[in-house]
Protein backbone atom coordinates (compact mmCIF):
# COMPACT_ATOMS: atom_id res chain seq x y z
CA MET A 1 324.74 129.07 192.68
CA ILE A 2 321.90 127.16 194.41
CA ARG A 3 318.40 125.95 191.71
CA LEU A 4 315.19 124.98 192.63
CA VAL A 5 313.03 122.21 191.55
CA ASN A 6 311.14 124.80 189.00
CA GLY A 7 314.37 126.61 187.83
CA PHE A 8 314.98 129.25 189.67
CA GLU A 9 318.58 130.14 190.24
CA ILE A 10 320.29 131.51 193.54
CA LYS A 11 323.54 132.74 193.63
CA TYR A 12 326.36 132.33 196.05
CA ASN A 13 326.69 135.56 198.44
CA GLU A 14 329.69 135.58 200.43
CA ASP A 15 327.99 137.34 202.23
CA PHE A 16 326.06 133.72 204.37
CA ASP A 17 323.06 135.84 205.60
CA ALA A 18 322.29 137.33 203.20
CA PHE A 19 322.95 134.37 201.12
CA PHE A 20 320.88 132.16 203.53
CA GLN A 21 317.91 134.80 203.42
CA ASP A 22 317.69 135.01 199.70
CA LEU A 23 317.33 131.33 199.54
CA LEU A 24 314.85 130.94 202.23
CA GLU A 25 312.69 133.50 200.16
CA ALA A 26 312.96 131.85 197.45
CA VAL A 27 312.29 128.57 198.90
CA ILE A 28 309.45 129.90 200.08
CA SER A 29 308.14 132.41 197.07
CA GLU A 30 308.53 129.88 194.42
CA SER A 31 307.36 126.58 196.78
CA LYS A 32 303.90 128.56 196.79
CA LYS A 33 303.87 129.77 193.16
CA THR A 34 303.90 126.35 192.02
CA ALA A 35 302.28 125.24 194.53
CA LEU A 36 298.89 127.55 193.56
CA GLU A 37 299.31 126.85 189.93
CA LYS A 38 299.15 123.03 191.01
CA PHE A 39 296.44 123.46 193.28
CA SER A 40 293.86 125.80 190.96
CA SER A 41 293.88 122.18 188.80
CA ALA A 42 293.98 120.15 191.97
CA PRO A 43 290.36 117.34 192.49
CA GLU A 44 288.07 118.02 195.21
CA GLY A 45 289.74 117.23 198.40
CA LYS A 46 293.59 118.37 198.00
CA ASN A 47 294.83 120.73 200.48
CA GLU A 48 296.75 124.35 199.09
CA ASN A 49 298.64 123.43 201.96
CA ASP A 50 299.46 120.53 201.98
CA PHE A 51 300.99 121.21 198.00
CA PHE A 52 302.90 123.56 199.18
CA LEU A 53 305.03 122.02 201.96
CA GLN A 54 305.61 119.01 199.33
CA GLU A 55 307.13 121.41 197.26
CA VAL A 56 308.68 123.08 200.36
CA MET A 57 309.96 119.73 200.84
CA ASP A 58 311.34 118.82 197.65
CA ASN A 59 312.78 122.07 196.87
CA CYS A 60 315.22 121.42 200.71
CA ILE A 61 315.92 117.61 199.19
CA TYR A 62 316.89 119.30 196.11
CA VAL A 63 319.10 121.61 197.52
CA THR A 64 320.82 119.26 199.89
CA HIS A 65 321.23 117.33 196.90
CA GLN A 66 322.62 119.51 195.04
CA LEU A 67 325.18 120.82 198.21
CA PHE A 68 326.30 117.40 198.19
CA GLU A 69 327.66 118.28 194.48
CA ILE A 70 328.84 120.62 195.67
CA TYR A 71 330.72 118.53 197.89
CA LYS A 72 332.61 117.12 195.89
CA GLU A 73 334.56 119.92 194.43
CA ASN A 74 335.03 122.21 197.07
CA GLU A 75 334.81 120.60 200.83
CA LYS A 76 334.56 123.32 202.57
CA MET A 77 332.64 125.80 201.17
CA THR A 78 329.74 122.82 201.48
CA LYS A 79 330.19 122.66 205.28
CA PHE A 80 330.83 126.45 205.75
CA ILE A 81 327.13 126.41 204.33
CA ILE A 82 325.66 124.34 205.91
CA THR A 83 326.89 124.66 209.58
CA GLY A 84 325.26 128.60 208.36
CA PHE A 85 321.91 126.79 207.97
CA LEU A 86 322.11 124.92 211.31
CA PHE A 87 323.62 128.19 212.85
CA ASN A 88 320.53 130.59 211.33
CA SER A 89 318.16 127.68 211.84
CA VAL A 90 318.73 127.83 215.23
CA VAL A 91 319.03 132.00 215.71
CA LEU A 92 315.58 132.21 214.25
CA LEU A 93 314.05 129.44 216.45
CA ALA A 94 314.92 130.54 219.32
CA PRO A 95 313.40 134.07 219.68
CA HIS A 96 310.08 131.07 219.98
CA ARG A 97 311.66 129.38 223.06
CA LYS A 98 309.61 130.36 226.28
CA ASN A 99 311.87 129.22 228.72
CA SER A 100 314.53 131.13 229.29
CA VAL A 101 318.15 129.49 230.29
CA LYS A 102 319.73 130.73 233.31
CA LYS A 103 323.09 130.06 234.90
CA GLU A 104 323.22 128.09 237.83
CA ASP A 105 325.82 129.25 239.77
CA ALA A 106 324.68 133.19 239.49
CA GLY A 107 321.17 132.01 239.22
CA GLU A 108 320.68 135.32 236.40
CA THR A 109 319.01 134.31 233.16
CA PHE A 110 320.71 134.97 230.07
CA HIS A 111 320.11 135.37 226.45
């Protein structure tokens, strides 16, 4: 189980894709909720988006710290989770790339 800064918990799911999706959704929604609370009582000049980004970063740091703690007890699971995070991040960003990769020998575009 992973906990966010505000105490919200994400249970580990053996289906990594589902776990990753749940974690991303929780970080975004819980960060937004906390950012809105802080923004509503903030002095003039503070940007709502700045609060949101700060909350996202705080949650990412907190989750990373927990992964290092889990690593002490279960190295394989932590390596699997970190690899899954990296893989899913790349897959999520890949459609936004403008340049296609081409096979040099055949000159064909592949995805």
